[in-house]
Protein backbone atom coordinates (compact mmCIF):
# COMPACT_ATOMS: atom_id res chain seq x y z
CA UNK A 1 89.04 137.62 99.03
CA UNK A 2 88.13 136.27 95.57
CA UNK A 3 86.09 138.33 93.12
CA UNK A 4 85.31 137.95 89.42
CA UNK A 5 86.20 140.58 86.83
CA UNK A 6 84.72 140.56 83.32
CA UNK A 7 86.31 142.43 80.41
CA UNK A 8 83.69 143.15 77.75
CA UNK A 9 84.38 144.56 74.30
CA UNK A 10 83.00 144.76 70.78
CA UNK A 11 86.44 143.83 69.46
CA UNK A 12 89.55 142.24 71.00
CA UNK A 13 89.01 143.41 74.63
CA UNK A 14 92.69 144.39 74.83
CA UNK A 15 91.83 147.93 75.92
CA UNK A 16 89.26 146.73 78.47
CA UNK A 17 91.82 144.33 79.93
CA UNK A 18 94.57 146.96 80.09
CA UNK A 19 92.40 149.61 81.72
CA UNK A 20 90.68 147.15 84.03
CA UNK A 21 93.96 145.50 85.03
CA UNK A 22 95.51 148.85 85.94
CA UNK A 23 92.60 149.46 88.34
CA UNK A 24 92.22 146.09 90.04
CA UNK A 25 95.95 145.72 90.69
CA UNK A 26 95.55 148.55 93.21
CA UNK A 27 93.78 146.10 95.53
CA UNK A 28 96.50 143.85 96.92
CA UNK A 29 94.24 141.83 99.22
CA UNK A 30 91.74 140.87 96.51
CA UNK A 31 92.31 138.01 94.06
CA UNK A 32 90.44 138.39 90.78
CA UNK A 33 89.13 135.64 88.57
CA UNK A 34 89.42 137.21 85.09
CA UNK A 35 86.98 136.42 82.29
CA UNK A 36 87.38 138.05 78.86
CA UNK A 37 84.35 138.47 76.61
CA UNK A 38 85.53 139.84 73.23
CA UNK A 39 83.57 140.51 70.03
CA UNK A 40 80.28 141.31 71.76
CA UNK A 41 78.91 142.98 68.64
CA UNK A 42 75.23 141.99 68.60
CA UNK A 43 72.28 142.00 70.97
CA UNK A 44 72.22 138.19 71.09
CA UNK A 45 75.89 138.04 72.12
CA UNK A 46 75.35 140.81 74.66
CA UNK A 47 72.38 139.01 76.24
CA UNK A 48 74.41 135.79 76.44
CA UNK A 49 77.23 137.71 78.13
CA UNK A 50 74.83 139.31 80.60
CA UNK A 51 73.39 135.89 81.44
CA UNK A 52 76.93 134.62 82.09
CA UNK A 53 77.63 137.57 84.38
CA UNK A 54 74.41 136.98 86.31
CA UNK A 55 75.22 133.28 86.67
CA UNK A 56 78.68 134.14 87.99
CA UNK A 57 77.17 136.58 90.49
CA UNK A 58 74.89 133.82 91.77
CA UNK A 59 77.77 131.37 92.03
CA UNK A 60 80.06 133.86 93.79
CA UNK A 61 77.34 135.27 96.03
CA UNK A 62 78.71 138.73 95.26
CA UNK A 63 78.70 141.15 92.36
CA UNK A 64 81.28 140.73 89.58
CA UNK A 65 83.13 143.81 88.31
CA UNK A 66 82.47 144.43 84.60
CA UNK A 67 84.94 146.55 82.63
CA UNK A 68 83.18 147.57 79.43
CA UNK A 69 84.55 149.31 76.33
CA UNK A 70 81.51 148.76 74.09
CA UNK A 71 80.84 151.64 71.71
CA UNK A 72 77.16 150.87 71.00
CA UNK A 73 74.97 152.68 73.51
CA UNK A 74 72.16 150.13 73.12
CA UNK A 75 74.53 147.26 73.93
CA UNK A 76 76.16 149.13 76.81
CA UNK A 77 72.78 149.65 78.47
CA UNK A 78 72.24 145.89 78.61
CA UNK A 79 75.18 145.56 80.99
CA UNK A 80 73.80 148.04 83.53
CA UNK A 81 72.38 145.41 85.89
CA UNK A 82 71.91 145.11 89.64
CA UNK A 83 73.96 141.89 89.78
CA UNK A 84 77.21 143.60 88.72
CA UNK A 85 79.23 146.78 89.08
CA UNK A 86 79.75 147.91 85.48
CA UNK A 87 82.59 150.31 84.70
CA UNK A 88 81.66 151.93 81.40
CA UNK A 89 84.87 153.40 80.00
CA UNK A 90 83.09 154.98 77.02
CA UNK A 91 80.75 157.02 79.23
CA UNK A 92 83.54 157.83 81.69
CA UNK A 93 86.04 159.18 79.16
CA UNK A 94 84.47 159.85 75.76
CA UNK A 95 81.56 161.92 77.05
CA UNK A 96 83.72 164.51 78.85
CA UNK A 97 86.11 164.60 75.87
CA UNK A 98 83.25 165.31 73.46
CA UNK A 99 82.10 168.13 75.71
CA UNK A 100 85.57 169.63 76.01
CA UNK A 101 86.39 169.33 72.29
CA UNK A 102 82.86 170.41 71.30
CA UNK A 103 82.46 167.67 68.74
CA UNK A 104 81.23 164.10 68.52
CA UNK A 105 83.65 161.20 68.49
CA UNK A 106 83.53 158.74 65.61
CA UNK A 107 81.94 156.03 67.81
CA UNK A 108 84.03 153.50 65.90
CA UNK A 109 85.10 150.35 67.70
CA UNK A 110 88.54 148.73 67.36
CA UNK A 111 90.43 151.83 66.21
CA UNK A 112 93.21 151.44 68.80
CA UNK A 113 94.31 147.99 67.62
CA UNK A 114 93.15 148.06 64.01
CA UNK A 115 95.52 148.60 61.08
CA UNK A 116 94.39 152.18 60.45
CA UNK A 117 97.89 153.52 59.85
CA UNK A 118 99.79 151.13 57.59
CA UNK A 119 103.09 152.97 58.07
CA UNK A 120 102.92 152.53 61.86
CA UNK A 121 101.93 148.89 61.47
CA UNK A 122 104.88 148.33 59.11
CA UNK A 123 107.22 149.85 61.72
CA UNK A 124 105.94 147.32 64.26
CA UNK A 125 106.31 144.29 61.95
CA UNK A 126 109.75 145.37 60.71
CA UNK A 127 110.90 145.92 64.29
CA UNK A 128 109.67 142.48 65.43
CA UNK A 129 111.38 140.81 62.47
CA UNK A 130 114.56 142.71 63.25
CA UNK A 131 114.51 141.72 66.94
CA UNK A 132 114.05 138.03 66.14
CA UNK A 133 116.82 137.91 63.51
CA UNK A 134 119.25 139.91 65.67
CA UNK A 135 118.80 137.89 68.83
CA UNK A 136 121.87 136.70 70.76
CA UNK A 137 124.29 138.33 68.33
CA UNK A 138 122.62 136.96 65.21
CA UNK A 139 123.10 138.92 61.96
CA UNK A 140 125.78 141.06 63.62
CA UNK A 141 126.74 142.52 60.24
CA UNK A 142 123.46 144.50 60.09
CA UNK A 143 123.72 146.22 63.45
CA UNK A 144 123.91 149.60 61.74
CA UNK A 145 120.13 149.41 61.30
CA UNK A 146 119.50 149.00 65.04
CA UNK A 147 117.98 151.80 67.09
CA UNK A 148 119.45 150.27 70.25
CA UNK A 149 121.66 147.25 71.01
CA UNK A 150 121.20 145.59 74.40
CA UNK A 151 124.29 143.94 75.85
CA UNK A 152 124.79 141.79 78.94
CA UNK A 153 125.30 138.24 80.12
CA UNK A 154 123.22 135.37 78.80
CA UNK A 155 119.65 135.10 80.21
CA UNK A 156 119.64 138.57 81.78
CA UNK A 157 116.42 139.63 79.99
CA UNK A 158 117.70 141.06 76.73
CA UNK A 159 115.50 139.06 74.34
CA UNK A 160 112.08 139.77 75.92
CA UNK A 161 113.00 143.43 76.30
CA UNK A 162 113.93 143.67 72.60
CA UNK A 163 110.66 142.07 71.59
CA UNK A 164 108.67 144.37 73.86
CA UNK A 165 110.42 147.44 72.41
CA UNK A 166 109.54 146.18 68.94
CA UNK A 167 105.90 145.34 69.64
CA UNK A 168 105.01 148.34 71.76
CA UNK A 169 107.22 151.07 70.31
CA UNK A 170 108.27 149.93 66.83
CA UNK A 171 111.93 150.13 67.92
CA UNK A 172 114.53 148.00 66.14
CA UNK A 173 116.37 146.45 69.07
CA UNK A 174 119.20 143.95 68.71
CA UNK A 175 120.87 142.11 71.56
CA UNK A 176 124.40 140.83 71.90
CA UNK A 177 125.52 138.57 74.76
CA UNK A 178 128.84 138.94 76.51
CA UNK A 179 130.86 135.71 76.59
CA UNK A 180 133.80 134.55 78.73
CA UNK A 181 136.10 135.45 75.81
CA UNK A 182 134.94 139.07 76.03
CA UNK A 183 135.72 139.16 79.74
CA UNK A 184 139.19 137.72 79.14
CA UNK A 185 140.03 140.57 76.77
CA UNK A 186 138.10 143.14 78.85
CA UNK A 187 137.08 144.70 75.56
CA UNK A 188 133.91 145.09 73.57
CA UNK A 189 133.33 142.35 70.98
CA UNK A 190 134.58 143.54 67.59
CA UNK A 191 131.10 143.71 65.94
CA UNK A 192 130.06 146.32 68.54
CA UNK A 193 132.96 148.74 68.08
CA UNK A 194 131.27 150.81 65.37
CA UNK A 195 127.98 151.03 67.27
CA UNK A 196 129.11 152.16 70.71
CA UNK A 197 126.57 155.01 70.83
CA UNK A 198 123.69 152.53 70.45
CA UNK A 199 124.74 150.22 73.30
CA UNK A 200 122.67 149.84 76.44
CA UNK A 201 123.57 147.35 79.16
CA UNK A 202 121.39 144.88 81.03
CA UNK A 203 122.50 143.42 84.35
CA UNK A 204 120.82 141.15 86.92
CA UNK A 205 121.26 139.79 90.44
CA UNK A 206 123.45 136.65 90.25
CA UNK A 207 121.05 134.62 92.41
CA UNK A 208 118.15 135.38 90.09
CA UNK A 209 120.33 134.67 87.06
CA UNK A 210 121.26 131.29 88.49
CA UNK A 211 117.57 130.42 88.98
CA UNK A 212 116.77 131.34 85.38
CA UNK A 213 119.69 129.35 84.01
CA UNK A 214 118.85 126.34 86.18
CA UNK A 215 115.44 126.12 84.52
CA UNK A 216 117.15 126.13 81.12
CA UNK A 217 120.21 123.94 81.85
CA UNK A 218 119.81 122.27 85.26
CA UNK A 219 122.94 121.45 87.27
CA UNK A 220 125.27 122.85 84.62
CA UNK A 221 128.41 124.93 85.06
CA UNK A 222 126.52 127.63 83.18
CA UNK A 223 123.87 127.78 85.93
CA UNK A 224 126.12 127.62 88.99
CA UNK A 225 125.77 130.59 91.32
CA UNK A 226 129.56 130.99 91.31
CA UNK A 227 129.58 131.24 87.51
CA UNK A 228 126.74 133.76 87.54
CA UNK A 229 128.45 135.90 90.18
CA UNK A 230 131.68 135.99 88.18
CA UNK A 231 129.93 136.83 84.91
CA UNK A 232 127.81 139.62 86.39
CA UNK A 233 130.80 141.26 88.08
CA UNK A 234 132.89 141.06 84.89
CA UNK A 235 130.04 142.29 82.68
CA UNK A 236 129.36 145.31 84.88
CA UNK A 237 133.08 146.06 85.04
CA UNK A 238 133.30 145.91 81.25
CA UNK A 239 130.27 148.18 80.81
CA UNK A 240 131.66 150.70 83.29
CA UNK A 241 135.07 150.60 81.57
CA UNK A 242 133.43 151.23 78.18
CA UNK A 243 131.03 153.90 79.55
CA UNK A 244 127.95 151.90 78.60
CA UNK A 245 124.85 152.88 80.60
CA UNK A 246 123.17 149.85 82.17
CA UNK A 247 120.23 148.84 84.34
CA UNK A 248 119.70 146.00 86.78
CA UNK A 249 116.62 144.07 85.66
CA UNK A 250 116.09 142.00 88.82
CA UNK A 251 113.22 144.07 90.21
CA UNK A 252 112.08 145.75 87.01
CA UNK A 253 109.22 144.51 84.87
CA UNK A 254 109.73 144.34 81.11
CA UNK A 255 107.41 147.36 80.79
CA UNK A 256 109.46 149.40 83.29
CA UNK A 257 112.73 148.35 81.71
CA UNK A 258 111.62 149.22 78.17
CA UNK A 259 110.20 152.58 79.26
CA UNK A 260 113.42 153.47 81.07
CA UNK A 261 115.51 152.50 78.04
CA UNK A 262 113.34 154.72 75.83
CA UNK A 263 113.74 157.61 78.26
CA UNK A 264 117.50 157.27 78.77
CA UNK A 265 118.33 156.77 75.08
CA UNK A 266 115.98 159.48 73.84
CA UNK A 267 114.31 157.09 71.38
CA UNK A 268 110.85 158.04 70.13
CA UNK A 269 107.88 155.74 69.76
CA UNK A 270 107.12 154.77 66.14
CA UNK A 271 103.78 153.03 66.67
CA UNK A 272 100.83 152.94 69.07
């Protein structure tokens, strides 16, 4: 089954997409065509958006689902139409909160993703800069500033996880790849010795690792399944020998992996 989902917002639509996505993913047998309509901040734009929704309903011969995070009551009312099912997150959540807290909300759009707290925003930017400059063992001399250092074989998912930790949590995450030389010595690389308490290991199924490496360096020794099997076994043995906690990333999303790392290391979020 194919249905259309609209995400409507007075600002970036990030919140509408996140909330809407979390709901529609519960329906495994429905495929959704996703259309994002950000910056709907005037009546003219709202009417154009409503016309687009009605046109899509006619084309699909069924009602689109509209996820709406508009703050303006007058604009929200324009999206209450027979041709669509409109999920009004403001009415659903803010109204009951106002009643419970016995006070009006600010009715200000864009507060979640705006730079309202410069200190938090600075944490995010600093963390992203740190992750990019400390990727694949880069700038190893500054590892003392890391909140966590991810270790594991090449292409096991360390880099995207570091960037996600930086963007979503403001965590300074470095990553350091294990090399064949490290396995030969069966010891931690020298730059990591002083930071043992910050180490967290990443592992992966060798078959999946081989697929990832094949897309990067096709038909290379680096991508051979045999090479990947050897490296994963040696990396896990090294992490166990050094008492480094580690996770297998094969069936974990970046979100799940980052959340688990935060939980197991006891790190605290620095930005929202």
